[in-house]
C-alpha atoms as a PDB file:
ATOM      1  CA  MET A   1       2.765 -18.624   9.354  1.00  0.00           C
ATOM      2  CA  LEU A   2       2.009 -14.978  10.146  1.00  0.00           C
ATOM      3  CA  VAL A   3       3.067 -12.443   7.524  1.00  0.00           C
ATOM      4  CA  ASP A   4       2.920  -8.635   7.671  1.00  0.00           C
ATOM      5  CA  LEU A   5       4.514  -6.846   4.716  1.00  0.00           C
ATOM      6  CA  HIS A   6       3.081  -3.318   4.971  1.00  0.00           C
ATOM      7  CA  ASN A   7       4.594  -1.272   7.779  1.00  0.00           C
ATOM      8  CA  HIS A   8       5.834   2.290   8.127  1.00  0.00           C
ATOM      9  CA  THR A   9       8.282   4.065  10.403  1.00  0.00           C
ATOM     10  CA  SER A  10       8.919   7.630  11.484  1.00  0.00           C
ATOM     11  CA  ARG A  11      10.870   8.198   8.264  1.00  0.00           C
ATOM     12  CA  CYS A  12       7.595   8.784   6.438  1.00  0.00           C
ATOM     13  CA  LYS A  13       6.898  11.785   8.708  1.00  0.00           C
ATOM     14  CA  HIS A  14       3.359  10.719   9.637  1.00  0.00           C
ATOM     15  CA  ALA A  15       4.222   7.569  11.597  1.00  0.00           C
ATOM     16  CA  VAL A  16       6.090   7.016  14.850  1.00  0.00           C
ATOM     17  CA  GLY A  17       8.588   4.456  16.042  1.00  0.00           C
ATOM     18  CA  THR A  18      11.897   2.981  14.986  1.00  0.00           C
ATOM     19  CA  PRO A  19      12.270  -0.214  12.928  1.00  0.00           C
ATOM     20  CA  ARG A  20      13.658  -1.977  15.994  1.00  0.00           C
ATOM     21  CA  GLU A  21      10.565  -1.072  18.015  1.00  0.00           C
ATOM     22  CA  TYR A  22       8.347  -2.491  15.271  1.00  0.00           C
ATOM     23  CA  LEU A  23      10.324  -5.719  15.140  1.00  0.00           C
ATOM     24  CA  ASP A  24      10.241  -6.194  18.896  1.00  0.00           C
ATOM     25  CA  ARG A  25       6.466  -5.765  18.793  1.00  0.00           C
ATOM     26  CA  ALA A  26       6.208  -8.174  15.858  1.00  0.00           C
ATOM     27  CA  LEU A  27       8.112 -10.799  17.848  1.00  0.00           C
ATOM     28  CA  LEU A  28       5.670 -10.425  20.733  1.00  0.00           C
ATOM     29  CA  LEU A  29       2.809 -10.994  18.298  1.00  0.00           C
ATOM     30  CA  GLY A  30       4.410 -14.125  16.873  1.00  0.00           C
ATOM     31  CA  ILE A  31       4.907 -12.776  13.357  1.00  0.00           C
ATOM     32  CA  ASP A  32       7.180 -14.909  11.170  1.00  0.00           C
ATOM     33  CA  VAL A  33       7.820 -12.612   8.195  1.00  0.00           C
ATOM     34  CA  TYR A  34       7.868  -8.852   8.668  1.00  0.00           C
ATOM     35  CA  GLY A  35       8.306  -6.304   5.912  1.00  0.00           C
ATOM     36  CA  PHE A  36       8.996  -2.578   5.994  1.00  0.00           C
ATOM     37  CA  ALA A  37       7.449  -0.609   3.144  1.00  0.00           C
ATOM     38  CA  ASP A  38       7.922   3.046   3.961  1.00  0.00           C
ATOM     39  CA  HIS A  39       6.473   5.662   1.632  1.00  0.00           C
ATOM     40  CA  ALA A  40       8.863   6.293  -1.230  1.00  0.00           C
ATOM     41  CA  PRO A  41       9.634   9.836  -2.371  1.00  0.00           C
ATOM     42  CA  LEU A  42       7.470  11.214  -5.150  1.00  0.00           C
ATOM     43  CA  TRP A  43      10.171  13.636  -6.297  1.00  0.00           C
ATOM     44  CA  TYR A  44       7.772  16.463  -7.054  1.00  0.00           C
ATOM     45  CA  PHE A  45       5.105  16.867  -4.350  1.00  0.00           C
ATOM     46  CA  ASP A  46       3.601  15.560  -1.095  1.00  0.00           C
ATOM     47  CA  GLU A  47       7.007  15.668   0.591  1.00  0.00           C
ATOM     48  CA  GLU A  48       5.520  16.077   4.080  1.00  0.00           C
ATOM     49  CA  TYR A  49       4.149  12.503   4.038  1.00  0.00           C
ATOM     50  CA  ARG A  50       7.177  10.496   2.904  1.00  0.00           C
ATOM     51  CA  MET A  51      10.905  10.036   3.332  1.00  0.00           C
ATOM     52  CA  GLY A  52      13.331  12.268   1.512  1.00  0.00           C
ATOM     53  CA  ARG A  53      15.425  11.167  -1.433  1.00  0.00           C
ATOM     54  CA  GLU A  54      18.552  11.497   0.670  1.00  0.00           C
ATOM     55  CA  GLU A  55      17.260   8.824   3.097  1.00  0.00           C
ATOM     56  CA  LEU A  56      16.918   5.890   0.697  1.00  0.00           C
ATOM     57  CA  GLU A  57      20.364   4.373   1.189  1.00  0.00           C
ATOM     58  CA  GLU A  58      20.239   4.782   4.966  1.00  0.00           C
ATOM     59  CA  TYR A  59      16.737   3.292   5.163  1.00  0.00           C
ATOM     60  CA  GLU A  60      17.677   0.197   3.174  1.00  0.00           C
ATOM     61  CA  ARG A  61      20.944  -0.235   5.067  1.00  0.00           C
ATOM     62  CA  GLU A  62      19.222   0.030   8.460  1.00  0.00           C
ATOM     63  CA  ILE A  63      16.577  -2.574   7.612  1.00  0.00           C
ATOM     64  CA  ARG A  64      19.138  -4.994   6.179  1.00  0.00           C
ATOM     65  CA  GLN A  65      21.313  -4.651   9.279  1.00  0.00           C
ATOM     66  CA  LEU A  66      18.308  -5.455  11.455  1.00  0.00           C
ATOM     67  CA  ALA A  67      17.416  -8.376   9.179  1.00  0.00           C
ATOM     68  CA  PHE A  68      20.843  -9.844   9.880  1.00  0.00           C
ATOM     69  CA  GLU A  69      20.637  -9.138  13.610  1.00  0.00           C
ATOM     70  CA  TYR A  70      17.146 -10.708  13.961  1.00  0.00           C
ATOM     71  CA  ARG A  71      17.723 -13.489  11.418  1.00  0.00           C
ATOM     72  CA  HIS A  72      17.280 -16.339  13.893  1.00  0.00           C
ATOM     73  CA  ARG A  73      14.022 -14.946  15.293  1.00  0.00           C
ATOM     74  CA  ILE A  74      12.091 -13.388  12.398  1.00  0.00           C
ATOM     75  CA  GLU A  75      12.501 -12.932   8.651  1.00  0.00           C
ATOM     76  CA  VAL A  76      12.808  -9.229   7.865  1.00  0.00           C
ATOM     77  CA  LEU A  77      12.258  -7.789   4.385  1.00  0.00           C
ATOM     78  CA  VAL A  78      12.747  -4.303   3.001  1.00  0.00           C
ATOM     79  CA  GLY A  79      10.513  -2.680   0.422  1.00  0.00           C
ATOM     80  CA  TYR A  80       8.707   0.495  -0.456  1.00  0.00           C
ATOM     81  CA  GLU A  81       5.137   1.599  -0.821  1.00  0.00           C
ATOM     82  CA  VAL A  82       5.232   3.470  -4.114  1.00  0.00           C
ATOM     83  CA  ASP A  83       2.545   5.930  -5.163  1.00  0.00           C
ATOM     84  CA  PHE A  84       1.464   5.313  -8.724  1.00  0.00           C
ATOM     85  CA  THR A  85       0.572   8.529 -10.532  1.00  0.00           C
ATOM     86  CA  PRO A  86       0.337   9.550 -14.195  1.00  0.00           C
ATOM     87  CA  ARG A  87       3.922  10.782 -14.010  1.00  0.00           C
ATOM     88  CA  SER A  88       5.232   7.558 -12.444  1.00  0.00           C
ATOM     89  CA  LYS A  89       3.917   5.639 -15.446  1.00  0.00           C
ATOM     90  CA  PHE A  90       6.938   6.885 -17.326  1.00  0.00           C
ATOM     91  CA  PHE A  91       9.727   6.638 -14.742  1.00  0.00           C
ATOM     92  CA  ASN A  92      10.254   6.514 -11.018  1.00  0.00           C
ATOM     93  CA  PRO A  93      13.829   5.916  -9.737  1.00  0.00           C
ATOM     94  CA  ILE A  94      12.431   3.855  -6.839  1.00  0.00           C
ATOM     95  CA  LEU A  95      11.540   1.127  -9.322  1.00  0.00           C
ATOM     96  CA  GLU A  96      15.260   0.494  -9.773  1.00  0.00           C
ATOM     97  CA  ARG A  97      16.084   0.094  -6.068  1.00  0.00           C
ATOM     98  CA  PRO A  98      17.527  -3.314  -4.980  1.00  0.00           C
ATOM     99  CA  VAL A  99      14.789  -4.187  -2.494  1.00  0.00           C
ATOM    100  CA  ASP A 100      12.730  -7.305  -1.757  1.00  0.00           C
ATOM    101  CA  TYR A 101       9.380  -6.048  -3.054  1.00  0.00           C
ATOM    102  CA  LEU A 102       7.348  -3.014  -4.033  1.00  0.00           C
ATOM    103  CA  ILE A 103       3.791  -2.271  -2.975  1.00  0.00           C
ATOM    104  CA  GLY A 104       1.983  -0.209  -5.577  1.00  0.00           C
ATOM    105  CA  SER A 105      -0.679   2.141  -4.247  1.00  0.00           C
ATOM    106  CA  VAL A 106      -2.931   4.876  -5.560  1.00  0.00           C
ATOM    107  CA  HIS A 107      -3.452   7.748  -3.117  1.00  0.00           C
ATOM    108  CA  PHE A 108      -3.866  10.570  -5.636  1.00  0.00           C
ATOM    109  CA  LEU A 109      -6.212  11.412  -8.481  1.00  0.00           C
ATOM    110  CA  ASP A 110      -4.344  14.197 -10.212  1.00  0.00           C
ATOM    111  CA  ARG A 111      -2.996  15.939  -7.105  1.00  0.00           C
ATOM    112  CA  TRP A 112      -6.046  15.286  -4.948  1.00  0.00           C
ATOM    113  CA  GLY A 113      -5.073  13.133  -1.991  1.00  0.00           C
ATOM    114  CA  PHE A 114      -8.528  11.601  -1.719  1.00  0.00           C
ATOM    115  CA  ASP A 115      -7.690   9.591   1.429  1.00  0.00           C
ATOM    116  CA  ASN A 116      -6.153  12.551   3.292  1.00  0.00           C
ATOM    117  CA  PRO A 117      -8.501  14.092   5.916  1.00  0.00           C
ATOM    118  CA  LYS A 118      -7.002  17.446   4.969  1.00  0.00           C
ATOM    119  CA  PHE A 119      -8.783  17.223   1.598  1.00  0.00           C
ATOM    120  CA  ILE A 120     -11.960  15.355   2.570  1.00  0.00           C
ATOM    121  CA  HIS A 121     -14.091  18.419   1.762  1.00  0.00           C
ATOM    122  CA  LEU A 122     -13.319  17.916  -1.936  1.00  0.00           C
ATOM    123  CA  TRP A 123     -15.419  14.742  -1.936  1.00  0.00           C
ATOM    124  CA  ARG A 124     -18.519  16.969  -1.770  1.00  0.00           C
ATOM    125  CA  GLU A 125     -17.526  18.527  -5.099  1.00  0.00           C
ATOM    126  CA  ARG A 126     -17.100  15.196  -6.914  1.00  0.00           C
ATOM    127  CA  ASP A 127     -19.344  12.593  -8.504  1.00  0.00           C
ATOM    128  CA  VAL A 128     -18.640   9.541  -6.338  1.00  0.00           C
ATOM    129  CA  ASN A 129     -19.222   7.089  -9.202  1.00  0.00           C
ATOM    130  CA  GLU A 130     -16.713   8.934 -11.367  1.00  0.00           C
ATOM    131  CA  VAL A 131     -14.161   9.040  -8.541  1.00  0.00           C
ATOM    132  CA  TYR A 132     -14.431   5.261  -8.176  1.00  0.00           C
ATOM    133  CA  ARG A 133     -14.122   4.727 -11.932  1.00  0.00           C
ATOM    134  CA  GLU A 134     -11.070   6.969 -12.157  1.00  0.00           C
ATOM    135  CA  TYR A 135      -9.495   5.315  -9.130  1.00  0.00           C
ATOM    136  CA  PHE A 136      -9.822   1.740 -10.405  1.00  0.00           C
ATOM    137  CA  GLU A 137      -8.662   2.761 -13.892  1.00  0.00           C
ATOM    138  CA  MET A 138      -5.502   4.111 -12.269  1.00  0.00           C
ATOM    139  CA  VAL A 139      -5.043   0.919 -10.220  1.00  0.00           C
ATOM    140  CA  LEU A 140      -5.412  -1.109 -13.415  1.00  0.00           C
ATOM    141  CA  GLU A 141      -2.725   0.989 -15.132  1.00  0.00           C
ATOM    142  CA  MET A 142      -0.522   0.440 -12.098  1.00  0.00           C
ATOM    143  CA  VAL A 143      -0.832  -3.345 -12.336  1.00  0.00           C
ATOM    144  CA  LYS A 144      -0.267  -3.270 -16.097  1.00  0.00           C
ATOM    145  CA  SER A 145       2.984  -1.366 -15.553  1.00  0.00           C
ATOM    146  CA  GLY A 146       4.527  -4.610 -14.289  1.00  0.00           C
ATOM    147  CA  HIS A 147       6.572  -2.872 -11.599  1.00  0.00           C
ATOM    148  CA  PHE A 148       4.813  -4.119  -8.458  1.00  0.00           C
ATOM    149  CA  GLN A 149       4.513  -7.412  -6.633  1.00  0.00           C
ATOM    150  CA  ILE A 150       1.689  -6.281  -4.331  1.00  0.00           C
ATOM    151  CA  ILE A 151      -1.388  -4.082  -4.760  1.00  0.00           C
ATOM    152  CA  GLY A 152      -1.788  -1.912  -1.671  1.00  0.00           C
ATOM    153  CA  HIS A 153      -5.249  -1.445  -0.093  1.00  0.00           C
ATOM    154  CA  ILE A 154      -6.982  -2.132  -3.397  1.00  0.00           C
ATOM    155  CA  ASP A 155     -10.261  -0.355  -2.522  1.00  0.00           C
ATOM    156  CA  LEU A 156      -8.738   2.505  -0.517  1.00  0.00           C
ATOM    157  CA  VAL A 157     -11.102   4.905  -2.288  1.00  0.00           C
ATOM    158  CA  LYS A 158     -13.838   3.899   0.213  1.00  0.00           C
ATOM    159  CA  VAL A 159     -11.791   5.150   3.197  1.00  0.00           C
ATOM    160  CA  PHE A 160     -14.194   7.916   4.279  1.00  0.00           C
ATOM    161  CA  GLY A 161     -17.329   5.876   3.662  1.00  0.00           C
ATOM    162  CA  TYR A 162     -18.363   7.432   0.346  1.00  0.00           C
ATOM    163  CA  ARG A 163     -19.947   4.647  -1.674  1.00  0.00           C
ATOM    164  CA  PRO A 164     -20.843   4.499  -5.375  1.00  0.00           C
ATOM    165  CA  SER A 165     -24.243   3.497  -6.690  1.00  0.00           C
ATOM    166  CA  ILE A 166     -22.518   1.127  -9.113  1.00  0.00           C
ATOM    167  CA  LYS A 167     -21.107  -2.194  -7.957  1.00  0.00           C
ATOM    168  CA  CYS A 168     -17.522  -1.919  -6.782  1.00  0.00           C
ATOM    169  CA  GLU A 169     -16.898  -5.575  -7.665  1.00  0.00           C
ATOM    170  CA  GLU A 170     -17.553  -4.787 -11.332  1.00  0.00           C
ATOM    171  CA  LEU A 171     -15.114  -1.874 -11.291  1.00  0.00           C
ATOM    172  CA  VAL A 172     -12.356  -3.924  -9.684  1.00  0.00           C
ATOM    173  CA  ALA A 173     -12.827  -7.049 -11.827  1.00  0.00           C
ATOM    174  CA  PRO A 174     -10.437  -5.927 -14.626  1.00  0.00           C
ATOM    175  CA  VAL A 175      -7.799  -5.141 -11.975  1.00  0.00           C
ATOM    176  CA  LEU A 176      -8.133  -8.609 -10.482  1.00  0.00           C
ATOM    177  CA  GLU A 177      -7.977 -10.263 -13.900  1.00  0.00           C
ATOM    178  CA  GLU A 178      -4.742  -8.423 -14.674  1.00  0.00           C
ATOM    179  CA  ALA A 179      -3.319  -9.222 -11.231  1.00  0.00           C
ATOM    180  CA  LYS A 180      -4.127 -12.892 -11.731  1.00  0.00           C
ATOM    181  CA  ARG A 181      -2.500 -12.874 -15.171  1.00  0.00           C
ATOM    182  CA  ARG A 182       0.687 -11.241 -13.870  1.00  0.00           C
ATOM    183  CA  GLY A 183       0.920 -13.074 -10.536  1.00  0.00           C
ATOM    184  CA  VAL A 184       0.523  -9.871  -8.529  1.00  0.00           C
ATOM    185  CA  ALA A 185      -0.780 -10.317  -4.990  1.00  0.00           C
ATOM    186  CA  VAL A 186      -3.540  -8.258  -3.396  1.00  0.00           C
ATOM    187  CA  GLU A 187      -2.901  -7.439   0.232  1.00  0.00           C
ATOM    188  CA  LEU A 188      -5.483  -8.009   2.931  1.00  0.00           C
ATOM    189  CA  ASN A 189      -4.909  -4.714   4.745  1.00  0.00           C
ATOM    190  CA  SER A 190      -6.372  -4.195   8.207  1.00  0.00           C
ATOM    191  CA  ALA A 191      -5.881  -0.406   8.303  1.00  0.00           C
ATOM    192  CA  GLY A 192      -9.452   0.160   7.162  1.00  0.00           C
ATOM    193  CA  TRP A 193     -10.679  -0.941  10.580  1.00  0.00           C
ATOM    194  CA  ARG A 194      -8.924   2.146  11.976  1.00  0.00           C
ATOM    195  CA  LYS A 195     -10.524   4.472   9.425  1.00  0.00           C
ATOM    196  CA  PRO A 196     -14.058   5.899   9.076  1.00  0.00           C
ATOM    197  CA  VAL A 197     -15.061   3.100   6.674  1.00  0.00           C
ATOM    198  CA  ARG A 198     -14.543   0.540   9.482  1.00  0.00           C
ATOM    199  CA  GLU A 199     -13.719  -2.462   7.327  1.00  0.00           C
ATOM    200  CA  GLN A 200     -10.619  -4.067   5.872  1.00  0.00           C
ATOM    201  CA  TYR A 201      -9.273  -3.563   2.372  1.00  0.00           C
ATOM    202  CA  PRO A 202     -10.522  -5.251   0.272  1.00  0.00           C
ATOM    203  CA  SER A 203     -14.187  -5.683   1.191  1.00  0.00           C
ATOM    204  CA  GLU A 204     -15.608  -9.142   1.780  1.00  0.00           C
ATOM    205  CA  LYS A 205     -17.404  -8.988  -1.587  1.00  0.00           C
ATOM    206  CA  ILE A 206     -14.160  -8.256  -3.416  1.00  0.00           C
ATOM    207  CA  LEU A 207     -12.439 -11.007  -1.436  1.00  0.00           C
ATOM    208  CA  GLY A 208     -15.149 -13.374  -2.644  1.00  0.00           C
ATOM    209  CA  VAL A 209     -14.438 -12.442  -6.258  1.00  0.00           C
ATOM    210  CA  MET A 210     -10.720 -12.896  -5.640  1.00  0.00           C
ATOM    211  CA  LYS A 211     -11.316 -16.361  -4.223  1.00  0.00           C
ATOM    212  CA  GLU A 212     -13.361 -17.375  -7.272  1.00  0.00           C
ATOM    213  CA  MET A 213     -10.643 -16.070  -9.597  1.00  0.00           C
ATOM    214  CA  GLY A 214      -7.739 -17.549  -7.620  1.00  0.00           C
ATOM    215  CA  VAL A 215      -5.975 -14.216  -7.065  1.00  0.00           C
ATOM    216  CA  ASP A 216      -2.994 -14.405  -4.725  1.00  0.00           C
ATOM    217  CA  ILE A 217      -3.170 -12.571  -1.389  1.00  0.00           C
ATOM    218  CA  THR A 218      -0.725 -11.360   1.195  1.00  0.00           C
ATOM    219  CA  PHE A 219      -1.173  -9.497   4.477  1.00  0.00           C
ATOM    220  CA  GLY A 220      -0.351  -6.059   5.801  1.00  0.00           C
ATOM    221  CA  SER A 221      -1.315  -4.159   8.922  1.00  0.00           C
ATOM    222  CA  ASP A 222      -0.267  -0.807   7.392  1.00  0.00           C
ATOM    223  CA  ALA A 223       1.068   0.027  10.846  1.00  0.00           C
ATOM    224  CA  HIS A 224       2.055   3.604  11.573  1.00  0.00           C
ATOM    225  CA  SER A 225       3.087   2.926  15.167  1.00  0.00           C
ATOM    226  CA  PRO A 226       4.555  -0.120  16.928  1.00  0.00           C
END
């Protein structure tokens, strides 16, 4: 069975293509279960990279209509990729939406979008080890929140190829232990092959640790075009 649960559409403002175009492509690729997880609103910043609050109902309705239309050919699910930030620890209205699943992701440390090429110059001003520590501490808080079924691109912090001198597997171990305890899946995300780091999320070493620990996995292409 082929599963792809992490896909975006033009609603997020930095992807192209309609949901129907993605589904038609998924059928050609023989995918059995296909999930849309467009970027949820943050309510207070980064609006140019995600759908607006006024689009939530329409987005969910469109995907569910397509799920019914394609029901005999492919299973279609609707979800969101939700940015976990210090503020979202307290409340995020997306967490209450009646969807199939939520992918929790960390793209921001404070308001620094560390994976955005627009802000890559800020890496030169940071201690890479400390960035990695802060990132995985935030991911751990995200898993502990209990709101998410999937951890998105768990080692996204490596996206531009900046590597710590400390072992990444040691930093991520508490996250994996908590994910195992809560039954949260870690996605095998192929988007890293399209980024400067040129490898999937998570790395093979982290995958090895996950295998030893028996952490659940799922799959996502993180597609931004059909």
